[in-house]
Amino acid sequence: MNPSYRILYWLPRLLCVFAILWVSLFALDSLESGLSKWEQFTHLMKHLVPSFVLILLLGIAWKWENTGGVLLIVSSIAVSPSIFMRNYQFNHSIWQGMLVIAIITLPFFISGVLFI
């Protein structure tokens, strides 16, 4: 296996893993001090559902690169309007909404393209 093939093999996988870890960090804001341990656990699990779906998509992409790449691209495009509208409701800035979309969904789009 030559070095350039190795880089192209591992780059989308590592990019997707780091992006999933990045998205998973946002679930930590669900932890509140006034809740019981069980309530904190259930809130954390609810907020980690997107990460679990992304892990599933990464597993598909790892086994079937073309199918997983298409799924990653489609999912990143599909959630972008929802992320934009939610962010726009908070700050009323189009450019900040676009930046948030780029930060959250662009790594999955790029990794999907690299898988294909």
C-alpha atoms as a PDB file:
ATOM      1  CA  MET A   1       0.000   0.000   0.000  1.00  0.00           C
ATOM      2  CA  ASN A   2       1.646   3.242  -1.111  1.00  0.00           C
ATOM      3  CA  PRO A   3       1.638   6.290   1.220  1.00  0.00           C
ATOM      4  CA  SER A   4      -0.804   8.388  -0.841  1.00  0.00           C
ATOM      5  CA  TYR A   5      -3.368   5.573  -0.824  1.00  0.00           C
ATOM      6  CA  ARG A   6      -2.956   5.225   2.936  1.00  0.00           C
ATOM      7  CA  ILE A   7      -3.644   8.921   3.449  1.00  0.00           C
ATOM      8  CA  LEU A   8      -6.741   8.802   1.231  1.00  0.00           C
ATOM      9  CA  TYR A   9      -7.908   5.683   3.056  1.00  0.00           C
ATOM     10  CA  TRP A  10      -7.561   7.062   6.594  1.00  0.00           C
ATOM     11  CA  LEU A  11      -8.320  10.767   6.075  1.00  0.00           C
ATOM     12  CA  PRO A  12     -12.127  10.487   5.738  1.00  0.00           C
ATOM     13  CA  ARG A  13     -12.327   8.029   8.619  1.00  0.00           C
ATOM     14  CA  LEU A  14     -10.312  10.195  11.001  1.00  0.00           C
ATOM     15  CA  LEU A  15     -12.094  13.364   9.904  1.00  0.00           C
ATOM     16  CA  CYS A  16     -15.449  11.726  10.567  1.00  0.00           C
ATOM     17  CA  VAL A  17     -14.352  10.377  13.970  1.00  0.00           C
ATOM     18  CA  PHE A  18     -13.096  13.797  15.084  1.00  0.00           C
ATOM     19  CA  ALA A  19     -16.254  15.480  13.774  1.00  0.00           C
ATOM     20  CA  ILE A  20     -18.410  13.007  15.729  1.00  0.00           C
ATOM     21  CA  LEU A  21     -16.391  13.753  18.857  1.00  0.00           C
ATOM     22  CA  TRP A  22     -16.885  17.483  18.186  1.00  0.00           C
ATOM     23  CA  VAL A  23     -20.657  17.065  17.835  1.00  0.00           C
ATOM     24  CA  SER A  24     -20.721  14.887  20.964  1.00  0.00           C
ATOM     25  CA  LEU A  25     -19.190  17.687  23.009  1.00  0.00           C
ATOM     26  CA  PHE A  26     -22.367  19.710  22.509  1.00  0.00           C
ATOM     27  CA  ALA A  27     -24.285  17.064  24.465  1.00  0.00           C
ATOM     28  CA  LEU A  28     -22.400  17.966  27.619  1.00  0.00           C
ATOM     29  CA  ASP A  29     -24.439  21.158  28.009  1.00  0.00           C
ATOM     30  CA  SER A  30     -27.429  18.985  28.924  1.00  0.00           C
ATOM     31  CA  LEU A  31     -25.873  18.192  32.302  1.00  0.00           C
ATOM     32  CA  GLU A  32     -27.419  20.320  35.057  1.00  0.00           C
ATOM     33  CA  SER A  33     -26.537  20.390  38.719  1.00  0.00           C
ATOM     34  CA  GLY A  34     -30.112  20.240  40.059  1.00  0.00           C
ATOM     35  CA  LEU A  35     -30.976  16.886  38.475  1.00  0.00           C
ATOM     36  CA  SER A  36     -30.515  13.381  39.804  1.00  0.00           C
ATOM     37  CA  LYS A  37     -27.899  11.116  38.268  1.00  0.00           C
ATOM     38  CA  TRP A  38     -30.559   9.164  36.370  1.00  0.00           C
ATOM     39  CA  GLU A  39     -32.117  12.327  34.938  1.00  0.00           C
ATOM     40  CA  GLN A  40     -28.688  13.600  33.914  1.00  0.00           C
ATOM     41  CA  PHE A  41     -27.960  10.276  32.223  1.00  0.00           C
ATOM     42  CA  THR A  42     -31.255  10.296  30.306  1.00  0.00           C
ATOM     43  CA  HIS A  43     -30.718  13.910  29.198  1.00  0.00           C
ATOM     44  CA  LEU A  44     -27.197  13.080  28.055  1.00  0.00           C
ATOM     45  CA  MET A  45     -28.403  10.038  26.093  1.00  0.00           C
ATOM     46  CA  LYS A  46     -31.120  12.111  24.373  1.00  0.00           C
ATOM     47  CA  HIS A  47     -28.541  14.688  23.343  1.00  0.00           C
ATOM     48  CA  LEU A  48     -26.166  11.988  22.081  1.00  0.00           C
ATOM     49  CA  VAL A  49     -28.703  10.517  19.614  1.00  0.00           C
ATOM     50  CA  PRO A  50     -27.210  12.496  16.666  1.00  0.00           C
ATOM     51  CA  SER A  51     -23.769  11.159  17.578  1.00  0.00           C
ATOM     52  CA  PHE A  52     -25.102   7.595  17.622  1.00  0.00           C
ATOM     53  CA  VAL A  53     -26.654   8.094  14.179  1.00  0.00           C
ATOM     54  CA  LEU A  54     -23.361   9.512  12.898  1.00  0.00           C
ATOM     55  CA  ILE A  55     -21.471   6.536  14.349  1.00  0.00           C
ATOM     56  CA  LEU A  56     -23.863   4.251  12.477  1.00  0.00           C
ATOM     57  CA  LEU A  57     -23.253   6.198   9.246  1.00  0.00           C
ATOM     58  CA  LEU A  58     -19.498   5.983   9.810  1.00  0.00           C
ATOM     59  CA  GLY A  59     -19.787   2.216  10.290  1.00  0.00           C
ATOM     60  CA  ILE A  60     -21.677   1.936   6.996  1.00  0.00           C
ATOM     61  CA  ALA A  61     -19.107   4.130   5.267  1.00  0.00           C
ATOM     62  CA  TRP A  62     -16.260   2.087   6.704  1.00  0.00           C
ATOM     63  CA  LYS A  63     -17.687  -1.134   5.258  1.00  0.00           C
ATOM     64  CA  TRP A  64     -19.274   0.202   2.041  1.00  0.00           C
ATOM     65  CA  GLU A  65     -17.412   3.375   1.113  1.00  0.00           C
ATOM     66  CA  ASN A  66     -19.630   4.619  -1.724  1.00  0.00           C
ATOM     67  CA  THR A  67     -22.915   4.009   0.080  1.00  0.00           C
ATOM     68  CA  GLY A  68     -21.634   5.510   3.320  1.00  0.00           C
ATOM     69  CA  GLY A  69     -20.163   8.484   1.497  1.00  0.00           C
ATOM     70  CA  VAL A  70     -23.489   9.234  -0.152  1.00  0.00           C
ATOM     71  CA  LEU A  71     -25.300   8.839   3.184  1.00  0.00           C
ATOM     72  CA  LEU A  72     -22.881  11.229   4.887  1.00  0.00           C
ATOM     73  CA  ILE A  73     -23.310  13.809   2.121  1.00  0.00           C
ATOM     74  CA  VAL A  74     -27.098  13.512   2.110  1.00  0.00           C
ATOM     75  CA  SER A  75     -27.340  13.697   5.902  1.00  0.00           C
ATOM     76  CA  SER A  76     -25.092  16.760   6.088  1.00  0.00           C
ATOM     77  CA  ILE A  77     -27.180  18.528   3.430  1.00  0.00           C
ATOM     78  CA  ALA A  78     -30.458  17.415   5.041  1.00  0.00           C
ATOM     79  CA  VAL A  79     -29.711  18.792   8.514  1.00  0.00           C
ATOM     80  CA  SER A  80     -28.198  22.076   7.327  1.00  0.00           C
ATOM     81  CA  PRO A  81     -31.511  24.001   7.007  1.00  0.00           C
ATOM     82  CA  SER A  82     -32.610  22.855  10.450  1.00  0.00           C
ATOM     83  CA  ILE A  83     -29.308  23.892  12.031  1.00  0.00           C
ATOM     84  CA  PHE A  84     -29.404  27.222  10.197  1.00  0.00           C
ATOM     85  CA  MET A  85     -32.970  28.049  11.236  1.00  0.00           C
ATOM     86  CA  ARG A  86     -32.353  27.095  14.861  1.00  0.00           C
ATOM     87  CA  ASN A  87     -29.236  29.244  14.991  1.00  0.00           C
ATOM     88  CA  TYR A  88     -30.924  32.106  13.142  1.00  0.00           C
ATOM     89  CA  GLN A  89     -33.700  32.188  15.756  1.00  0.00           C
ATOM     90  CA  PHE A  90     -31.090  32.818  18.461  1.00  0.00           C
ATOM     91  CA  ASN A  91     -28.855  35.448  16.873  1.00  0.00           C
ATOM     92  CA  HIS A  92     -30.649  36.751  13.725  1.00  0.00           C
ATOM     93  CA  SER A  93     -27.410  36.686  11.740  1.00  0.00           C
ATOM     94  CA  ILE A  94     -27.228  34.951   8.376  1.00  0.00           C
ATOM     95  CA  TRP A  95     -23.426  34.879   8.369  1.00  0.00           C
ATOM     96  CA  GLN A  96     -23.167  33.396  11.827  1.00  0.00           C
ATOM     97  CA  GLY A  97     -25.716  30.760  10.816  1.00  0.00           C
ATOM     98  CA  MET A  98     -23.627  29.901   7.768  1.00  0.00           C
ATOM     99  CA  LEU A  99     -20.517  29.664   9.947  1.00  0.00           C
ATOM    100  CA  VAL A 100     -22.265  27.262  12.318  1.00  0.00           C
ATOM    101  CA  ILE A 101     -23.360  25.113   9.373  1.00  0.00           C
ATOM    102  CA  ALA A 102     -19.786  25.072   8.102  1.00  0.00           C
ATOM    103  CA  ILE A 103     -18.424  24.084  11.491  1.00  0.00           C
ATOM    104  CA  ILE A 104     -20.949  21.328  12.159  1.00  0.00           C
ATOM    105  CA  THR A 105     -21.865  19.789   8.787  1.00  0.00           C
ATOM    106  CA  LEU A 106     -18.940  20.565   6.485  1.00  0.00           C
ATOM    107  CA  PRO A 107     -16.609  17.916   8.015  1.00  0.00           C
ATOM    108  CA  PHE A 108     -19.221  15.223   7.333  1.00  0.00           C
ATOM    109  CA  PHE A 109     -19.768  16.479   3.783  1.00  0.00           C
ATOM    110  CA  ILE A 110     -16.009  16.476   3.091  1.00  0.00           C
ATOM    111  CA  SER A 111     -15.568  13.055   4.614  1.00  0.00           C
ATOM    112  CA  GLY A 112     -18.470  11.736   2.510  1.00  0.00           C
ATOM    113  CA  VAL A 113     -16.809  13.104  -0.632  1.00  0.00           C
ATOM    114  CA  LEU A 114     -13.517  11.520   0.398  1.00  0.00           C
ATOM    115  CA  PHE A 115     -15.213   8.176   1.023  1.00  0.00           C
ATOM    116  CA  ILE A 116     -16.573   8.230  -2.520  1.00  0.00           C
END
